[in-house]
Protein backbone atom coordinates (compact mmCIF):
# COMPACT_ATOMS: atom_id res chain seq x y z
CA MET A 1 -4.16 -0.06 -10.25
CA GLY A 2 -6.23 0.39 -7.12
CA ASP A 3 -9.18 -0.66 -9.17
CA MET A 4 -8.17 -4.23 -8.92
CA GLN A 5 -8.49 -4.37 -5.49
CA GLU A 6 -12.18 -3.70 -5.60
CA LYS A 7 -14.37 -7.08 -5.55
CA ASN A 8 -17.55 -6.04 -7.19
CA LEU A 9 -16.44 -4.67 -10.40
CA ASN A 10 -17.43 -5.70 -14.11
CA THR A 11 -16.13 -8.65 -15.84
CA ILE A 12 -12.57 -8.22 -16.62
CA SER A 13 -11.36 -8.70 -20.34
CA PHE A 14 -7.84 -9.51 -21.71
CA GLU A 15 -7.92 -5.99 -23.20
CA ALA A 16 -8.56 -4.49 -19.66
CA CYS A 17 -5.23 -6.45 -18.75
CA GLN A 18 -3.67 -4.84 -21.71
CA GLU A 19 -4.64 -1.34 -20.71
CA LEU A 20 -3.24 -2.12 -17.07
CA ASP A 21 0.21 -2.76 -18.47
CA ALA A 22 0.13 0.29 -20.64
CA ARG A 23 -0.30 2.41 -17.73
CA ASP A 24 2.25 0.40 -15.47
CA SER A 25 5.11 2.40 -14.32
CA LEU A 26 7.19 -0.59 -13.89
CA GLY A 27 6.45 -2.09 -17.21
CA GLN A 28 9.91 -0.97 -18.61
CA PHE A 29 11.78 -3.43 -16.47
CA ARG A 30 10.49 -6.47 -17.97
CA SER A 31 12.72 -5.98 -20.86
CA GLN A 32 15.85 -6.01 -18.38
CA PHE A 33 15.20 -9.90 -18.01
CA ASP A 34 16.00 -12.71 -20.00
CA LEU A 35 12.87 -14.59 -20.06
CA PRO A 36 11.93 -17.40 -22.45
CA GLU A 37 9.18 -16.79 -24.88
CA HIS A 38 5.84 -18.21 -24.85
CA THR A 39 6.28 -18.76 -21.04
CA CYS A 40 4.11 -17.25 -18.42
CA TYR A 41 6.55 -17.38 -15.44
CA LEU A 42 4.76 -16.99 -11.98
CA ASP A 43 7.27 -18.70 -9.62
CA GLY A 44 9.68 -15.83 -8.81
CA ASN A 45 8.70 -16.21 -5.31
CA SER A 46 10.78 -19.66 -5.71
CA LEU A 47 13.51 -18.81 -8.13
CA GLY A 48 13.76 -15.09 -9.83
CA ALA A 49 14.30 -14.75 -13.38
CA LEU A 50 17.51 -13.84 -14.83
CA PRO A 51 18.60 -10.18 -15.43
CA LYS A 52 20.06 -9.57 -18.87
CA ALA A 53 23.10 -7.80 -17.11
CA THR A 54 24.09 -10.78 -15.13
CA LEU A 55 25.79 -13.02 -17.75
CA PRO A 56 28.17 -10.25 -18.86
CA ARG A 57 28.96 -9.06 -15.03
CA VAL A 58 29.54 -12.80 -14.48
CA GLN A 59 31.66 -13.17 -17.66
CA GLN A 60 33.85 -10.10 -16.39
CA VAL A 61 34.25 -11.72 -12.90
CA VAL A 62 35.25 -14.81 -14.54
CA GLN A 63 37.65 -13.89 -17.26
CA GLN A 64 39.07 -10.50 -16.29
CA GLU A 65 39.11 -10.28 -12.47
CA TRP A 66 39.62 -14.17 -12.04
CA GLY A 67 41.45 -15.04 -15.16
CA ARG A 68 43.73 -12.11 -15.58
CA ASP A 69 44.01 -10.32 -12.39
CA LEU A 70 43.80 -13.52 -10.17
CA ILE A 71 44.33 -13.17 -6.52
CA SER A 72 45.04 -9.28 -6.74
CA SER A 73 41.17 -8.99 -7.33
CA TRP A 74 40.43 -9.25 -3.56
CA ASN A 75 41.73 -5.67 -3.20
CA LYS A 76 41.85 -4.32 -6.89
CA HIS A 77 38.26 -5.37 -7.48
CA GLY A 78 36.64 -5.21 -4.12
CA TRP A 79 36.23 -8.89 -3.80
CA TRP A 80 37.35 -8.36 0.02
CA ASP A 81 34.57 -6.01 1.34
CA ALA A 82 31.64 -7.61 -1.33
CA GLN A 83 29.92 -9.03 1.51
CA GLN A 84 29.24 -6.16 3.31
CA ARG A 85 29.03 -3.93 0.35
CA VAL A 86 26.00 -5.90 -1.15
CA GLY A 87 24.51 -6.04 2.39
CA ASP A 88 24.33 -2.49 2.42
CA LYS A 89 22.39 -2.15 -0.85
CA ILE A 90 19.93 -4.98 0.51
CA ALA A 91 19.63 -2.86 3.65
CA LEU A 92 17.85 -0.23 1.56
CA ILE A 93 15.31 -2.75 0.34
CA ILE A 94 14.66 -4.05 3.91
CA GLY A 95 14.55 -0.79 6.00
CA ALA A 96 17.80 -1.27 7.65
CA GLY A 97 20.85 1.07 8.06
CA PRO A 98 24.22 0.87 6.85
CA GLY A 99 26.31 -1.68 8.41
CA GLU A 100 23.53 -3.64 9.68
CA VAL A 101 23.04 -6.33 6.77
CA LEU A 102 25.49 -8.78 5.70
CA VAL A 103 25.33 -11.17 2.85
CA ALA A 104 26.79 -14.50 3.65
CA ASP A 105 26.07 -18.23 3.40
CA SER A 106 22.96 -19.75 3.03
CA THR A 107 19.45 -18.71 4.60
CA SER A 108 19.76 -21.84 6.88
CA VAL A 109 23.39 -21.17 8.00
CA ASN A 110 22.42 -17.57 8.88
CA LEU A 111 19.45 -18.64 10.99
CA PHE A 112 21.63 -21.00 13.07
CA LYS A 113 23.92 -18.16 13.52
CA THR A 114 21.43 -15.38 14.31
CA VAL A 115 19.10 -17.79 16.70
CA ALA A 116 22.37 -18.99 18.41
CA ALA A 117 23.37 -15.40 19.08
CA ALA A 118 19.95 -14.50 20.25
CA LEU A 119 19.92 -17.24 22.61
CA GLN A 120 23.33 -16.00 23.99
CA LEU A 121 21.97 -12.62 24.66
CA ASN A 122 18.93 -13.76 25.99
CA PRO A 123 19.41 -17.31 27.44
CA GLY A 124 15.80 -18.31 28.35
CA LYS A 125 14.35 -21.89 27.81
CA VAL A 126 11.66 -21.68 25.23
CA VAL A 127 12.03 -21.03 21.53
CA VAL A 128 8.69 -20.24 19.74
CA SER A 129 7.68 -20.78 15.95
CA GLU A 130 4.99 -21.73 13.81
CA ARG A 131 4.26 -25.52 13.18
CA ALA A 132 3.65 -24.42 9.31
CA ASN A 133 7.06 -22.55 9.26
CA PHE A 134 9.29 -23.28 6.25
CA PRO A 135 10.61 -26.71 7.46
CA THR A 136 14.45 -25.80 7.05
CA ASP A 137 13.87 -23.19 9.67
CA LEU A 138 11.94 -25.83 12.20
CA TYR A 139 15.10 -28.11 11.17
CA MET A 140 17.60 -25.65 12.04
CA LEU A 141 16.01 -25.04 15.37
CA GLU A 142 15.83 -28.58 16.08
CA GLY A 143 19.43 -28.94 15.50
CA LEU A 144 20.61 -26.13 17.51
CA ILE A 145 18.59 -26.91 20.44
CA LYS A 146 19.72 -30.57 20.31
CA HIS A 147 23.29 -29.20 20.03
CA LEU A 148 23.06 -26.72 23.18
CA GLY A 149 21.54 -29.53 24.89
CA ARG A 150 20.62 -27.20 27.99
CA GLY A 151 16.94 -27.96 28.59
CA TYR A 152 15.56 -25.65 25.95
CA LYS A 153 12.21 -26.19 24.46
CA LEU A 154 10.65 -25.59 20.90
CA ARG A 155 7.06 -24.44 21.26
CA LEU A 156 5.22 -24.58 18.15
CA VAL A 157 1.90 -22.69 17.30
CA ASP A 158 -0.68 -23.97 14.84
CA SER A 159 -1.88 -20.56 13.53
CA PRO A 160 -0.96 -16.87 13.45
CA GLU A 161 -3.68 -16.09 15.85
CA ASP A 162 -1.91 -18.08 18.42
CA LEU A 163 1.23 -16.40 18.48
CA PHE A 164 0.71 -13.57 21.02
CA GLU A 165 -0.58 -15.96 23.38
CA ALA A 166 2.42 -18.38 22.61
CA ILE A 167 5.16 -15.43 23.11
CA ASP A 168 4.95 -15.16 26.99
CA SER A 169 7.38 -14.21 29.60
CA ASP A 170 8.86 -17.72 29.47
CA VAL A 171 9.98 -17.16 25.83
CA SER A 172 13.88 -16.29 25.11
CA VAL A 173 13.27 -16.03 21.07
CA ALA A 174 10.77 -16.30 18.66
CA VAL A 175 11.73 -17.39 15.24
CA LEU A 176 9.19 -16.33 12.44
CA THR A 177 8.51 -16.02 8.88
CA HIS A 178 7.45 -12.81 7.56
CA VAL A 179 5.46 -14.23 4.65
CA SER A 180 4.52 -17.58 4.75
CA TYR A 181 6.16 -19.79 1.92
CA ARG A 182 2.73 -21.94 1.91
CA THR A 183 0.01 -19.55 1.99
CA GLY A 184 1.58 -16.07 1.34
CA CYS A 185 0.10 -14.99 4.66
CA MET A 186 2.00 -11.82 6.16
CA LEU A 187 2.37 -11.37 9.85
CA ASP A 188 2.34 -7.74 11.30
CA MET A 189 6.09 -7.49 11.94
CA ALA A 190 5.87 -4.38 14.01
CA ALA A 191 3.00 -5.52 16.38
CA THR A 192 4.52 -8.75 16.91
CA THR A 193 8.02 -7.62 17.57
CA ALA A 194 6.64 -5.16 20.00
CA HIS A 195 4.50 -7.76 21.70
CA ALA A 196 7.77 -10.21 22.13
CA HIS A 197 9.85 -7.26 23.49
CA ALA A 198 7.22 -6.37 26.12
CA ARG A 199 7.50 -10.00 27.40
CA GLY A 200 11.38 -9.93 27.17
CA ALA A 201 11.79 -11.98 24.20
CA LEU A 202 13.80 -11.48 21.03
CA VAL A 203 12.74 -12.06 17.37
CA VAL A 204 14.60 -13.60 14.59
CA TRP A 205 12.46 -12.91 11.22
CA ASP A 206 12.96 -14.88 8.16
CA LEU A 207 12.51 -12.29 5.08
CA ALA A 208 12.82 -15.05 2.20
CA HIS A 209 9.29 -14.35 0.77
CA SER A 210 9.60 -10.41 1.70
CA ALA A 211 12.80 -8.88 0.47
CA GLY A 212 12.04 -6.95 -2.74
CA ALA A 213 8.32 -7.85 -2.78
CA VAL A 214 6.58 -6.20 0.30
CA HIS A 215 7.11 -3.13 2.32
CA VAL A 216 9.80 -4.21 5.07
CA ASP A 217 11.02 -1.58 7.55
CA LEU A 218 13.18 -3.47 10.04
CA THR A 219 14.35 -0.21 11.71
CA GLY A 220 10.84 1.30 12.22
CA ALA A 221 9.69 -2.14 13.57
CA ASP A 222 12.73 -2.40 15.88
CA VAL A 223 13.59 -5.93 14.83
CA ASP A 224 16.40 -7.76 16.54
CA PHE A 225 17.56 -9.99 13.91
CA ALA A 226 16.64 -11.16 10.44
CA VAL A 227 17.72 -13.56 7.50
CA GLY A 228 16.71 -14.06 3.87
CA CYS A 229 17.81 -15.15 0.54
CA GLY A 230 18.92 -13.75 -2.68
CA TYR A 231 17.44 -16.05 -5.38
CA LYS A 232 13.62 -15.14 -5.06
CA PHE A 233 12.64 -11.61 -5.68
CA LEU A 234 16.15 -10.26 -5.67
CA ASN A 235 16.98 -12.29 -8.58
CA GLY A 236 20.34 -13.40 -7.66
CA GLY A 237 20.16 -16.89 -9.13
CA PRO A 238 19.97 -20.34 -8.00
CA GLY A 239 21.63 -20.87 -4.90
CA ALA A 240 22.59 -17.06 -4.49
CA PRO A 241 24.36 -16.05 -1.16
CA ALA A 242 21.81 -15.29 1.59
CA PHE A 243 21.64 -12.21 3.77
CA LEU A 244 21.37 -11.70 7.45
CA TYR A 245 20.56 -8.64 9.65
CA VAL A 246 21.66 -7.80 12.98
CA ALA A 247 20.30 -4.42 14.66
CA LYS A 248 23.47 -2.12 15.39
CA ARG A 249 22.38 -1.89 19.18
CA LEU A 250 23.17 -5.49 19.73
CA GLN A 251 26.18 -6.23 17.21
CA ASP A 252 29.23 -5.70 19.85
CA LYS A 253 27.27 -7.59 22.62
CA VAL A 254 26.58 -10.95 20.83
CA GLN A 255 28.92 -13.58 19.56
CA GLN A 256 27.72 -16.12 16.52
CA PRO A 257 28.99 -19.45 16.91
CA LEU A 258 30.54 -20.18 13.37
CA THR A 259 33.69 -18.33 14.19
CA GLY A 260 35.32 -18.70 10.70
CA TRP A 261 38.54 -16.46 9.79
CA PHE A 262 36.41 -14.11 7.61
CA GLY A 263 34.74 -12.80 11.17
CA HIS A 264 38.24 -12.56 12.84
CA ALA A 265 38.98 -8.95 14.00
CA LYS A 266 42.46 -9.39 12.04
CA PRO A 267 42.17 -12.18 9.61
CA PHE A 268 45.49 -11.77 8.14
CA ALA A 269 47.45 -11.76 11.29
CA PHE A 270 46.77 -15.53 11.13
CA GLU A 271 46.49 -15.81 15.12
CA PRO A 272 45.84 -19.03 16.76
CA SER A 273 42.71 -18.11 18.81
CA PHE A 274 39.66 -16.26 17.84
CA GLU A 275 38.71 -12.39 18.05
CA ALA A 276 35.46 -11.12 16.92
CA ALA A 277 35.68 -8.39 14.14
CA PRO A 278 33.64 -5.44 15.16
CA GLY A 279 29.70 -4.91 14.29
CA ILE A 280 28.15 -7.00 11.54
CA GLN A 281 31.35 -8.29 10.10
CA ARG A 282 31.66 -10.65 13.38
CA PHE A 283 28.91 -12.73 11.55
CA GLN A 284 31.08 -13.67 8.43
CA CYS A 285 32.15 -16.86 8.49
CA GLY A 286 34.19 -18.54 5.44
CA THR A 287 35.69 -17.13 2.36
CA PRO A 288 32.55 -15.92 0.26
CA PRO A 289 31.44 -17.04 -3.14
CA ILE A 290 32.48 -14.35 -5.40
CA ILE A 291 30.85 -15.50 -8.72
CA SER A 292 27.60 -15.64 -7.00
CA LEU A 293 28.16 -12.48 -5.04
CA ALA A 294 28.55 -10.57 -8.29
CA ALA A 295 25.52 -12.22 -9.90
CA LEU A 296 23.37 -11.29 -6.78
CA GLU A 297 24.66 -7.79 -6.74
CA VAL A 298 23.10 -7.23 -10.25
CA GLY A 299 19.86 -8.57 -9.17
CA VAL A 300 19.70 -6.09 -6.17
CA ASP A 301 21.19 -2.92 -8.21
CA LEU A 302 18.15 -3.66 -10.69
CA MET A 303 15.73 -3.90 -7.78
CA LEU A 304 17.18 -0.57 -6.27
CA GLN A 305 16.48 1.19 -9.51
CA ALA A 306 12.42 0.55 -9.00
CA PRO A 307 10.53 2.77 -6.18
CA LEU A 308 10.07 0.27 -3.53
CA PRO A 309 6.17 1.69 -2.93
CA ALA A 310 5.39 1.04 -6.55
CA ILE A 311 6.62 -2.52 -6.22
CA ARG A 312 4.55 -3.07 -3.43
CA ASP A 313 1.42 -1.36 -5.14
CA LYS A 314 1.91 -3.44 -8.14
CA SER A 315 2.15 -6.68 -6.18
CA VAL A 316 -1.25 -5.94 -4.59
CA ALA A 317 -2.73 -5.11 -8.08
CA LEU A 318 -1.43 -8.36 -9.49
CA GLY A 319 -2.65 -10.65 -6.78
CA CYS A 320 -6.12 -9.03 -6.53
CA LEU A 321 -6.40 -9.35 -10.28
CA PHE A 322 -5.43 -13.21 -10.18
CA TRP A 323 -7.88 -13.74 -7.18
CA ARG A 324 -10.77 -12.03 -9.27
CA LEU A 325 -10.01 -13.79 -12.43
CA MET A 326 -10.07 -17.05 -10.32
CA GLU A 327 -13.43 -16.21 -9.18
CA GLN A 328 -14.66 -15.11 -12.88
CA GLU A 329 -13.26 -18.22 -14.54
CA CYS A 330 -12.72 -20.78 -12.26
CA SER A 331 -15.07 -20.50 -9.33
CA GLN A 332 -16.83 -23.65 -9.97
CA LEU A 333 -13.55 -25.97 -10.54
CA GLY A 334 -12.84 -26.99 -7.16
CA PHE A 335 -10.19 -24.59 -5.99
CA ARG A 336 -9.96 -23.27 -2.56
CA LEU A 337 -8.28 -19.99 -1.60
CA ALA A 338 -5.66 -20.94 0.62
CA SER A 339 -4.21 -17.19 1.13
CA PRO A 340 -5.81 -14.51 3.10
CA ALA A 341 -8.19 -12.75 1.12
CA ALA A 342 -7.33 -9.08 2.31
CA PRO A 343 -4.48 -7.82 0.45
CA ALA A 344 -2.83 -6.12 3.24
CA GLN A 345 -2.64 -9.69 4.85
CA ARG A 346 -0.59 -11.60 2.10
CA GLY A 347 2.81 -11.05 0.33
CA SER A 348 3.52 -11.43 -3.45
CA GLN A 349 1.53 -14.55 -4.10
CA ILE A 350 -1.61 -16.14 -4.32
CA CYS A 351 -2.07 -19.96 -3.25
CA PHE A 352 -5.09 -22.09 -4.19
CA ALA A 353 -5.81 -25.43 -2.71
CA HIS A 354 -6.90 -28.63 -4.75
CA PRO A 355 -7.03 -32.31 -4.09
CA GLU A 356 -5.07 -32.88 -7.63
CA GLY A 357 -3.03 -29.94 -7.22
CA TYR A 358 0.40 -31.45 -8.37
CA ALA A 359 -0.98 -33.00 -11.27
CA ILE A 360 -2.74 -29.86 -12.27
CA MET A 361 0.22 -27.61 -11.89
CA GLN A 362 2.34 -30.30 -13.92
CA ALA A 363 -0.47 -29.82 -16.73
CA LEU A 364 -0.19 -25.84 -16.49
CA ILE A 365 3.52 -26.04 -16.69
CA GLU A 366 3.44 -28.13 -19.82
CA LEU A 367 1.09 -25.11 -21.24
CA GLY A 368 3.90 -22.90 -20.53
CA VAL A 369 2.49 -21.48 -17.18
CA VAL A 370 4.88 -21.96 -14.45
CA GLY A 371 4.07 -21.75 -11.03
CA ASP A 372 4.70 -24.36 -8.31
CA PHE A 373 3.19 -26.82 -5.91
CA ARG A 374 3.42 -27.17 -2.06
CA ALA A 375 2.41 -30.37 -0.25
CA PRO A 376 -0.09 -31.43 0.64
CA ASP A 377 -2.39 -29.71 -1.93
CA ILE A 378 -1.22 -26.14 -2.35
CA LEU A 379 -0.81 -24.44 -5.97
CA ARG A 380 1.44 -21.54 -5.76
CA PHE A 381 1.41 -18.48 -7.97
CA GLY A 382 4.11 -15.89 -7.42
CA PHE A 383 4.01 -11.94 -8.89
CA ALA A 384 7.50 -10.48 -9.22
CA PRO A 385 6.51 -6.97 -9.90
CA LEU A 386 9.66 -6.01 -12.17
CA TYR A 387 8.48 -8.65 -14.76
CA VAL A 388 5.10 -10.04 -14.50
CA ARG A 389 2.58 -8.19 -16.61
CA TYR A 390 -1.09 -8.22 -16.13
CA VAL A 391 -1.90 -10.13 -19.45
CA ASP A 392 0.46 -12.68 -17.95
CA VAL A 393 -1.86 -13.23 -15.06
CA TRP A 394 -4.96 -13.37 -17.64
CA GLU A 395 -3.18 -16.09 -19.48
CA ALA A 396 -2.55 -18.04 -16.32
CA VAL A 397 -6.00 -18.19 -15.41
CA GLN A 398 -7.13 -19.13 -18.74
CA GLY A 399 -4.57 -21.82 -18.90
CA LEU A 400 -5.69 -23.16 -15.42
CA LYS A 401 -9.47 -23.13 -16.64
CA LEU A 402 -8.46 -25.24 -19.93
CA VAL A 403 -6.37 -27.52 -17.75
CA MET A 404 -9.63 -28.50 -15.56
CA GLN A 405 -12.04 -28.24 -18.46
CA GLU A 406 -10.33 -30.41 -20.58
CA ARG A 407 -9.08 -32.73 -17.73
CA LEU A 408 -5.42 -32.36 -18.95
CA TRP A 409 -3.93 -32.89 -15.35
CA ASP A 410 -5.67 -36.53 -15.48
CA GLN A 411 -2.66 -38.19 -16.92
CA PRO A 412 -0.23 -40.51 -15.47
CA VAL A 413 2.59 -38.38 -16.48
CA HIS A 414 1.44 -35.49 -14.49
CA ARG A 415 1.22 -37.65 -11.36
CA LYS A 416 4.51 -38.81 -11.06
CA ARG A 417 6.59 -36.77 -8.71
CA ALA A 418 9.87 -34.90 -9.73
CA ALA A 419 12.47 -34.59 -6.99
CA VAL A 420 11.76 -30.87 -7.11
CA THR A 421 7.85 -29.86 -6.94
């Protein structure tokens, strides 16, 4: 698959894509997903596909565990320790150790918890992030800083190149996204974390577009805190519980602000005041959503069946193929590459900008090629290596070419903005 990374190759054909699929070591995983026929799904970076094993597992939880065993399932079926159990599995995917990852709440809530904990541990006055960060991260930072009311300042940088200069000795915490939701640009986690540590700052990483798609080594990069979601490349389903990471060296030094009963050292003692549980468990809050946790665990277990290096290799190969086919088929159709050109600098998505991006994407979806749009002009195409084929990439580019050549996008119905884009 490395041949797809070379820019100056001969013209790519549909048959060449079929040959790549025939040699794909991950090809057998596609059959384990329930994908609709005649649909080319390139939006797994927004919502992962449904594993076939999810429905029977959820039915088991609902009918047997909840329906028959009722409340005894907290002990009998491992409901009580599900957040830790699934967290330890995700740890294997993101380069963390046992007891360092917890499944809980949403990414936004986990960001609030981890940033608050970091500020308590390192109480400076400046928090650094990127202006192009996913908006909810910035919203949560604004809300936290307003809540603390202690003169904290949010310093936003306009490009990744400005980060090192912005993280100076005044900075307490840097809150950064490993892979940009908008462009797929991937930051150097190890170098950035080392730079922050050298200046006395802690780092909270958002792994929403990283976990299950690119190589992540939280231990090797000496990361302090991280958060991420379960519904993208981990295929946990819409609104799946998120996860958080806290380095073991920090766990008993910090206290997160949402001190709910699941984070209590003795939750069933029902004491009137809070005593934090040891380790990562103190980052739990309220009662976990067991049905959603069960669905997420199916997706994580499926991911763990695949060699992580092979996942990244195929991710890179799919992205390079898409870019080359766009150059081959659509170079004169007004698209501008919005992702980094170098494969090592981007996650598992390729983004192109076009002034009519929204309408183009709606027309493309009508043809059965599903990507998505991000304002103001970005068309995003995500490559989930477990189920995206090389022929899917071919068909996606051919569909995009047809949309442009036939001006299929230029219809009022495609310009009308839906609530979710």
